[in-house]
Amino acid sequence: MSLKQSFKKFKIKLREWRVSLAKQMLDREPPPSHIPLAQARNILFLRQDGKIGDFVVSSFVFRAIKQQRPEAKIGVLCSRENAYLFENNPDIDHLHIVAERGVLPYYQMGKQLKNQYDVVIEPTLVFRVRELVLLRTIAAPYNLGYLKADYRIFNHHISDSQLHYSEIYCKLLNLIGIENVDTRYRLPEQPEAEQRIAEFLQQQQLTDYIALNFFGAARSRRFTPDSIRTILDTLTAELPQQKWLLLGFPEVNGWLVELVQAYSCCYLFENTKTIFDNIALIRHAKAVVSPDTSMVHIAVGLDKPLISMYNSDEQNFANWYPYSQQAQILRYQQNINEINAAELIPMLAKIV
């Protein structure tokens, strides 16, 4: 085991110890309520994790609540980094931004929100001390979670570990009396981003392209520059008439600009600012190839043919696989760079 792996294992054990200690001190049943859960009107979603894939997969929940319970008050607790995802959603009544990730800011936020909500929904797999402090301080009568049977503070939870996250959210809505839910994703549009992309595509005279994303959130899910070159060499040789647009972000666009210059049929929008730029680029693409769950679910939401890539983590795959009949899936063991460029060709042949 490498030093890095040992340190990661130590961090996990330390977090488990801290959570165990916090549970002994703080894990208590919520206060009682005279309001039945199925009639709850004030609902808070904890969305401070910043994951764009989760934002996309759960994008239907606010609409579903407002359609069936228009008088409901919906709040979202988020971070500064992901607040932009929620701030223009007409179905969200209140946005609560927690400035930092430490226990103290979460405690202070909990004090501000105390007794304001009937229900708090916390659907993540990783539950930290700060979230436990937050729930205890908010003191809502109903706390809904996922795989939280060993927590007393969650008086309702979903226990099926094999559910897709859209199904998890649907079942959480069922608990509060929202039935017959339309689970189609609701992707936001940002007019400025849509205009930027429209102008770029017009300038490049770019149509009928396939969007390629080579980057996941974790290092093990990011293709190296050498792997990207090998894949592009194979794709451009096997499918010489096809146009390819690489999806980037500010941290990698500098060297991607130089890389795509070697290929006459490859393009890059180098001024990517937010996820809304990539949403617009995917909206105009004829298909998407990506190892990143956020791009995968954006493609699903836009009903695009898709090649997605997942590692051997079966729990992650069960929760996050592409919920689409148009998706093809490549699996790898530990590192995305295990994927051979030739594996993509028969899949792409079904698209082009």
Protein backbone atom coordinates (compact mmCIF):
# COMPACT_ATOMS: atom_id res chain seq x y z
CA MET A 1 0.00 0.00 0.00
CA SER A 2 1.39 3.39 -1.01
CA LEU A 3 1.83 6.29 1.39
CA LYS A 4 -1.02 8.13 -0.35
CA GLN A 5 -3.35 5.13 0.01
CA SER A 6 -2.38 4.72 3.66
CA PHE A 7 -3.10 8.39 4.36
CA LYS A 8 -6.47 8.15 2.62
CA LYS A 9 -7.35 5.09 4.70
CA PHE A 10 -6.27 6.93 7.85
CA LYS A 11 -8.49 9.91 6.95
CA ILE A 12 -11.48 7.61 6.47
CA LYS A 13 -10.87 5.94 9.83
CA LEU A 14 -10.47 9.33 11.52
CA ARG A 15 -13.74 10.56 10.01
CA GLU A 16 -15.51 7.37 11.16
CA TRP A 17 -14.17 7.86 14.68
CA ARG A 18 -15.29 11.49 14.77
CA VAL A 19 -18.77 10.58 13.50
CA SER A 20 -19.03 7.76 16.05
CA LEU A 21 -18.14 10.13 18.88
CA ALA A 22 -20.57 12.78 17.60
CA LYS A 23 -23.35 10.19 17.36
CA GLN A 24 -22.96 9.33 21.03
CA MET A 25 -23.32 12.99 21.93
CA LEU A 26 -25.85 14.29 19.38
CA ASP A 27 -27.79 11.49 17.71
CA ARG A 28 -31.27 11.84 19.20
CA GLU A 29 -34.78 11.37 17.85
CA PRO A 30 -36.36 14.55 16.41
CA PRO A 31 -38.97 16.45 18.44
CA PRO A 32 -42.59 15.34 17.92
CA SER A 33 -44.98 17.21 15.63
CA HIS A 34 -48.75 17.51 15.36
CA ILE A 35 -48.38 17.85 11.57
CA PRO A 36 -48.44 14.49 9.71
CA LEU A 37 -45.41 13.95 7.46
CA ALA A 38 -47.61 13.63 4.36
CA GLN A 39 -48.98 17.13 5.03
CA ALA A 40 -45.68 18.90 5.63
CA ARG A 41 -45.49 22.36 4.09
CA ASN A 42 -42.01 23.64 4.97
CA ILE A 43 -39.32 21.50 3.34
CA LEU A 44 -35.55 22.00 3.41
CA PHE A 45 -33.12 20.21 1.08
CA LEU A 46 -29.47 19.94 2.13
CA ARG A 47 -27.44 20.45 -1.06
CA GLN A 48 -24.15 21.79 0.22
CA ASP A 49 -22.07 18.97 -1.31
CA GLY A 50 -21.67 20.89 -4.57
CA LYS A 51 -22.10 17.87 -6.86
CA ILE A 52 -23.46 18.92 -10.23
CA GLY A 53 -24.56 15.36 -11.09
CA ASP A 54 -26.79 15.30 -8.02
CA PHE A 55 -28.16 18.72 -8.96
CA VAL A 56 -29.16 17.40 -12.40
CA VAL A 57 -30.61 14.07 -11.21
CA SER A 58 -32.71 15.78 -8.52
CA SER A 59 -33.77 18.73 -10.67
CA PHE A 60 -37.36 17.48 -10.89
CA VAL A 61 -38.06 17.48 -7.14
CA PHE A 62 -38.83 21.17 -6.63
CA ARG A 63 -41.15 21.24 -9.63
CA ALA A 64 -42.96 18.11 -8.42
CA ILE A 65 -43.60 19.58 -4.96
CA LYS A 66 -44.89 22.90 -6.29
CA GLN A 67 -47.16 21.20 -8.83
CA GLN A 68 -48.92 19.12 -6.18
CA ARG A 69 -48.48 21.39 -3.17
CA PRO A 70 -48.18 24.99 -4.45
CA GLU A 71 -48.47 26.48 -0.97
CA ALA A 72 -45.35 24.60 0.20
CA LYS A 73 -42.26 26.56 1.19
CA ILE A 74 -39.10 25.03 -0.27
CA GLY A 75 -35.68 25.90 1.06
CA VAL A 76 -32.26 24.77 -0.15
CA LEU A 77 -29.13 24.90 1.97
CA CYS A 78 -26.08 25.14 -0.27
CA SER A 79 -22.51 26.42 -0.39
CA ARG A 80 -21.19 29.57 -2.02
CA GLU A 81 -19.67 27.44 -4.76
CA ASN A 82 -22.92 25.81 -5.90
CA ALA A 83 -25.44 28.56 -5.07
CA TYR A 84 -25.52 29.63 -8.73
CA LEU A 85 -27.18 26.31 -9.59
CA PHE A 86 -30.27 27.13 -7.53
CA GLU A 87 -30.59 30.91 -7.35
CA ASN A 88 -32.78 31.33 -10.45
CA ASN A 89 -35.06 28.36 -9.85
CA PRO A 90 -38.64 29.71 -9.58
CA ASP A 91 -39.74 26.73 -7.46
CA ILE A 92 -37.25 27.46 -4.65
CA ASP A 93 -38.49 29.98 -2.09
CA HIS A 94 -35.41 30.39 0.10
CA LEU A 95 -31.71 29.82 -0.50
CA HIS A 96 -29.58 29.44 2.62
CA ILE A 97 -25.84 29.74 1.94
CA VAL A 98 -23.43 28.24 4.45
CA ALA A 99 -20.17 30.11 4.01
CA GLU A 100 -17.70 27.51 5.28
CA ARG A 101 -17.53 23.75 5.82
CA GLY A 102 -16.58 23.64 9.50
CA VAL A 103 -18.79 22.57 12.38
CA LEU A 104 -19.22 26.12 13.73
CA PRO A 105 -20.73 27.63 10.52
CA TYR A 106 -23.12 24.68 10.30
CA TYR A 107 -24.13 25.14 13.94
CA GLN A 108 -24.73 28.86 13.33
CA MET A 109 -26.81 28.10 10.24
CA GLY A 110 -28.82 25.55 12.20
CA LYS A 111 -29.59 28.16 14.86
CA GLN A 112 -30.84 30.55 12.16
CA LEU A 113 -33.13 27.88 10.71
CA LYS A 114 -34.33 26.40 13.99
CA ASN A 115 -38.04 25.50 13.96
CA GLN A 116 -38.54 26.98 10.46
CA TYR A 117 -38.92 23.67 8.62
CA ASP A 118 -41.17 20.63 9.08
CA VAL A 119 -38.95 18.35 6.99
CA VAL A 120 -35.23 18.21 6.23
CA ILE A 121 -34.11 15.97 3.35
CA GLU A 122 -30.48 14.80 3.42
CA PRO A 123 -29.98 12.08 0.77
CA THR A 124 -26.19 11.68 0.60
CA LEU A 125 -24.20 8.55 1.43
CA VAL A 126 -21.43 10.40 3.26
CA PHE A 127 -22.73 11.93 6.49
CA ARG A 128 -20.30 14.05 8.49
CA VAL A 129 -20.23 15.53 11.96
CA ARG A 130 -21.16 18.98 10.68
CA GLU A 131 -24.35 17.63 9.06
CA LEU A 132 -25.30 15.90 12.31
CA VAL A 133 -24.75 19.16 14.20
CA LEU A 134 -26.86 20.98 11.60
CA LEU A 135 -29.80 18.58 11.85
CA ARG A 136 -29.75 18.57 15.63
CA THR A 137 -29.72 22.37 15.70
CA ILE A 138 -32.47 22.89 13.10
CA ALA A 139 -34.68 20.60 15.21
CA ALA A 140 -37.13 19.70 12.45
CA PRO A 141 -39.67 17.03 13.45
CA TYR A 142 -38.96 14.96 10.31
CA ASN A 143 -35.49 14.14 8.96
CA LEU A 144 -35.46 12.06 5.76
CA GLY A 145 -32.32 10.30 4.55
CA TYR A 146 -30.85 7.50 2.48
CA LEU A 147 -29.27 4.40 4.09
CA LYS A 148 -29.43 6.03 7.53
CA ALA A 149 -30.88 3.15 9.58
CA ASP A 150 -28.10 3.49 12.17
CA TYR A 151 -29.03 7.11 12.96
CA ARG A 152 -31.82 7.89 15.41
CA ILE A 153 -32.08 11.49 14.15
CA PHE A 154 -33.39 10.17 10.81
CA ASN A 155 -36.91 9.04 11.63
CA HIS A 156 -37.60 8.17 7.97
CA HIS A 157 -35.15 6.84 5.42
CA ILE A 158 -34.86 4.85 2.19
CA SER A 159 -33.07 1.54 2.73
CA ASP A 160 -32.68 0.03 -0.78
CA SER A 161 -28.98 0.43 -1.69
CA GLN A 162 -29.54 -0.47 -5.36
CA LEU A 163 -31.82 2.41 -6.27
CA HIS A 164 -30.86 5.02 -8.83
CA TYR A 165 -30.70 8.47 -7.28
CA SER A 166 -33.69 9.68 -9.26
CA GLU A 167 -35.66 6.80 -7.71
CA ILE A 168 -34.31 7.69 -4.27
CA TYR A 169 -35.57 11.25 -4.62
CA CYS A 170 -38.90 9.98 -5.94
CA LYS A 171 -39.36 7.74 -2.88
CA LEU A 172 -38.38 10.59 -0.56
CA LEU A 173 -41.11 12.68 -2.18
CA ASN A 174 -43.55 9.79 -1.69
CA LEU A 175 -42.83 9.94 2.05
CA ILE A 176 -44.08 13.53 2.18
CA GLY A 177 -47.20 12.71 0.18
CA ILE A 178 -46.04 13.64 -3.33
CA GLU A 179 -47.10 10.82 -5.67
CA ASN A 180 -47.02 10.11 -9.43
CA VAL A 181 -43.84 12.13 -9.87
CA ASP A 182 -42.52 13.12 -13.30
CA THR A 183 -38.80 12.33 -12.89
CA ARG A 184 -37.60 13.93 -16.11
CA TYR A 185 -34.64 16.17 -15.42
CA ARG A 186 -35.16 19.92 -15.54
CA LEU A 187 -31.99 21.52 -16.89
CA PRO A 188 -31.59 25.26 -16.40
CA GLU A 189 -30.74 27.65 -19.20
CA GLN A 190 -28.57 30.70 -18.74
CA PRO A 191 -29.23 33.18 -21.58
CA GLU A 192 -25.69 34.58 -21.48
CA ALA A 193 -24.14 31.13 -21.85
CA GLU A 194 -26.58 30.13 -24.59
CA GLN A 195 -25.67 33.30 -26.50
CA ARG A 196 -21.92 32.74 -26.08
CA ILE A 197 -22.18 29.20 -27.40
CA ALA A 198 -24.47 30.15 -30.29
CA GLU A 199 -21.95 32.78 -31.41
CA PHE A 200 -19.03 30.33 -31.07
CA LEU A 201 -20.77 27.63 -33.11
CA GLN A 202 -21.70 30.14 -35.79
CA GLN A 203 -18.14 31.49 -36.00
CA GLN A 204 -16.73 27.97 -36.32
CA GLN A 205 -19.58 26.86 -38.63
CA LEU A 206 -19.79 23.88 -36.32
CA THR A 207 -22.72 21.47 -36.50
CA ASP A 208 -23.26 17.73 -36.21
CA TYR A 209 -20.46 17.34 -33.68
CA ILE A 210 -19.91 14.83 -30.89
CA ALA A 211 -19.02 16.32 -27.51
CA LEU A 212 -16.03 14.66 -25.82
CA ASN A 213 -15.38 15.10 -22.12
CA PHE A 214 -12.17 13.54 -20.78
CA PHE A 215 -12.41 14.66 -17.16
CA GLY A 216 -14.19 13.31 -14.11
CA ALA A 217 -14.11 14.84 -10.63
CA ALA A 218 -11.53 12.42 -9.20
CA ARG A 219 -7.98 12.06 -10.54
CA SER A 220 -8.63 8.39 -11.31
CA ARG A 221 -11.46 9.48 -13.62
CA ARG A 222 -9.40 11.91 -15.69
CA PHE A 223 -7.66 10.94 -18.90
CA THR A 224 -4.02 11.98 -19.12
CA PRO A 225 -2.84 14.20 -22.01
CA ASP A 226 -1.15 11.17 -23.60
CA SER A 227 -4.33 9.10 -23.37
CA ILE A 228 -6.35 11.95 -24.88
CA ARG A 229 -3.93 12.18 -27.82
CA THR A 230 -4.12 8.42 -28.37
CA ILE A 231 -7.92 8.50 -28.34
CA LEU A 232 -8.10 11.47 -30.71
CA ASP A 233 -5.59 9.81 -33.05
CA THR A 234 -7.81 6.73 -33.17
CA LEU A 235 -11.10 8.59 -33.52
CA THR A 236 -9.92 10.92 -36.27
CA ALA A 237 -8.34 8.02 -38.19
CA GLU A 238 -11.35 5.69 -37.92
CA LEU A 239 -14.01 8.38 -38.35
CA PRO A 240 -12.31 11.07 -40.47
CA GLN A 241 -15.51 12.91 -41.43
CA GLN A 242 -16.77 13.32 -37.88
CA LYS A 243 -16.35 16.61 -35.99
CA TRP A 244 -15.39 16.50 -32.31
CA LEU A 245 -15.81 19.18 -29.67
CA LEU A 246 -13.85 18.82 -26.44
CA LEU A 247 -15.58 19.92 -23.25
CA GLY A 248 -13.19 21.73 -20.93
CA PHE A 249 -13.04 23.96 -17.90
CA PRO A 250 -10.70 26.81 -16.92
CA GLU A 251 -8.05 24.63 -15.23
CA VAL A 252 -7.40 22.50 -18.35
CA ASN A 253 -8.36 24.76 -21.24
CA GLY A 254 -4.82 26.18 -21.52
CA TRP A 255 -3.21 22.94 -22.64
CA LEU A 256 -6.32 21.65 -24.43
CA VAL A 257 -6.06 24.63 -26.80
CA GLU A 258 -2.62 23.46 -27.89
CA LEU A 259 -3.71 19.83 -28.11
CA VAL A 260 -6.69 20.38 -30.44
CA GLN A 261 -4.59 22.43 -32.85
CA ALA A 262 -3.07 19.17 -34.08
CA TYR A 263 -6.47 17.97 -35.35
CA SER A 264 -8.39 19.77 -38.08
CA CYS A 265 -11.70 18.19 -37.06
CA CYS A 266 -11.42 18.93 -33.31
CA TYR A 267 -12.72 22.05 -31.59
CA LEU A 268 -12.67 23.62 -28.14
CA PHE A 269 -14.66 26.46 -26.61
CA GLU A 270 -11.78 27.85 -24.57
CA ASN A 271 -13.77 30.47 -22.64
CA THR A 272 -15.77 28.02 -20.54
CA LYS A 273 -16.92 29.79 -17.37
CA THR A 274 -19.56 27.61 -15.70
CA ILE A 275 -21.45 24.38 -16.19
CA PHE A 276 -24.04 26.37 -18.15
CA ASP A 277 -21.56 26.71 -21.04
CA ASN A 278 -21.20 22.94 -21.24
CA ILE A 279 -24.96 22.48 -20.96
CA ALA A 280 -25.34 24.72 -24.01
CA LEU A 281 -22.59 22.86 -25.90
CA ILE A 282 -24.21 19.50 -25.13
CA ARG A 283 -27.62 20.89 -26.12
CA HIS A 284 -26.29 21.42 -29.67
CA ALA A 285 -24.28 18.16 -29.88
CA LYS A 286 -25.54 15.06 -31.62
CA ALA A 287 -23.98 12.79 -28.97
CA VAL A 288 -21.80 12.85 -25.85
CA VAL A 289 -18.84 10.78 -24.59
CA SER A 290 -17.95 11.29 -20.91
CA PRO A 291 -16.64 9.65 -17.71
CA ASP A 292 -18.09 12.46 -15.58
CA THR A 293 -21.50 11.88 -14.02
CA SER A 294 -22.54 15.52 -14.31
CA MET A 295 -21.99 15.53 -18.09
CA VAL A 296 -23.57 12.09 -18.35
CA HIS A 297 -26.77 13.20 -16.65
CA ILE A 298 -26.86 16.48 -18.56
CA ALA A 299 -26.77 14.38 -21.75
CA VAL A 300 -29.57 12.19 -20.37
CA GLY A 301 -31.61 15.28 -19.51
CA LEU A 302 -31.18 16.57 -23.06
CA ASP A 303 -32.04 13.14 -24.52
CA LYS A 304 -28.70 12.70 -26.28
CA PRO A 305 -27.06 9.43 -27.42
CA LEU A 306 -24.34 8.78 -24.89
CA ILE A 307 -21.22 6.74 -24.15
CA SER A 308 -20.50 6.81 -20.41
CA MET A 309 -17.66 5.30 -18.39
CA TYR A 310 -17.87 3.84 -14.87
CA ASN A 311 -15.38 2.09 -12.61
CA SER A 312 -15.91 -1.19 -10.73
CA ASP A 313 -17.67 0.43 -7.74
CA GLU A 314 -21.06 -1.28 -7.98
CA GLN A 315 -22.68 0.91 -5.32
CA ASN A 316 -21.74 4.04 -7.26
CA PHE A 317 -22.92 2.49 -10.52
CA ALA A 318 -26.28 1.45 -9.06
CA ASN A 319 -26.90 4.98 -7.77
CA TRP A 320 -25.54 6.95 -10.72
CA TYR A 321 -25.79 4.97 -13.97
CA PRO A 322 -27.29 6.85 -16.95
CA TYR A 323 -31.06 6.57 -16.77
CA SER A 324 -31.55 6.43 -20.55
CA GLN A 325 -32.25 3.94 -23.33
CA GLN A 326 -29.75 5.82 -25.50
CA ALA A 327 -26.78 5.20 -23.20
CA GLN A 328 -23.90 2.82 -23.86
CA ILE A 329 -21.59 2.01 -20.96
CA LEU A 330 -17.87 1.22 -20.71
CA ARG A 331 -16.54 -0.22 -17.44
CA TYR A 332 -12.99 -0.13 -16.08
CA GLN A 333 -11.38 -1.34 -12.84
CA GLN A 334 -9.48 1.44 -11.07
CA ASN A 335 -8.33 4.13 -13.50
CA ILE A 336 -10.05 5.64 -16.52
CA ASN A 337 -6.81 5.40 -18.51
CA GLU A 338 -7.30 1.62 -18.63
CA ILE A 339 -9.83 2.23 -21.41
CA ASN A 340 -8.51 1.46 -24.88
CA ALA A 341 -9.37 3.92 -27.62
CA ALA A 342 -10.43 1.03 -29.87
CA GLU A 343 -13.24 0.18 -27.41
CA LEU A 344 -15.01 3.40 -28.36
CA ILE A 345 -15.16 2.74 -32.11
CA PRO A 346 -17.96 0.11 -32.24
CA MET A 347 -20.01 2.19 -29.81
CA LEU A 348 -19.53 5.34 -31.86
CA ALA A 349 -20.43 3.42 -35.01
CA LYS A 350 -23.94 3.01 -33.58
CA ILE A 351 -24.20 6.80 -33.25
CA VAL A 352 -22.58 8.26 -36.36
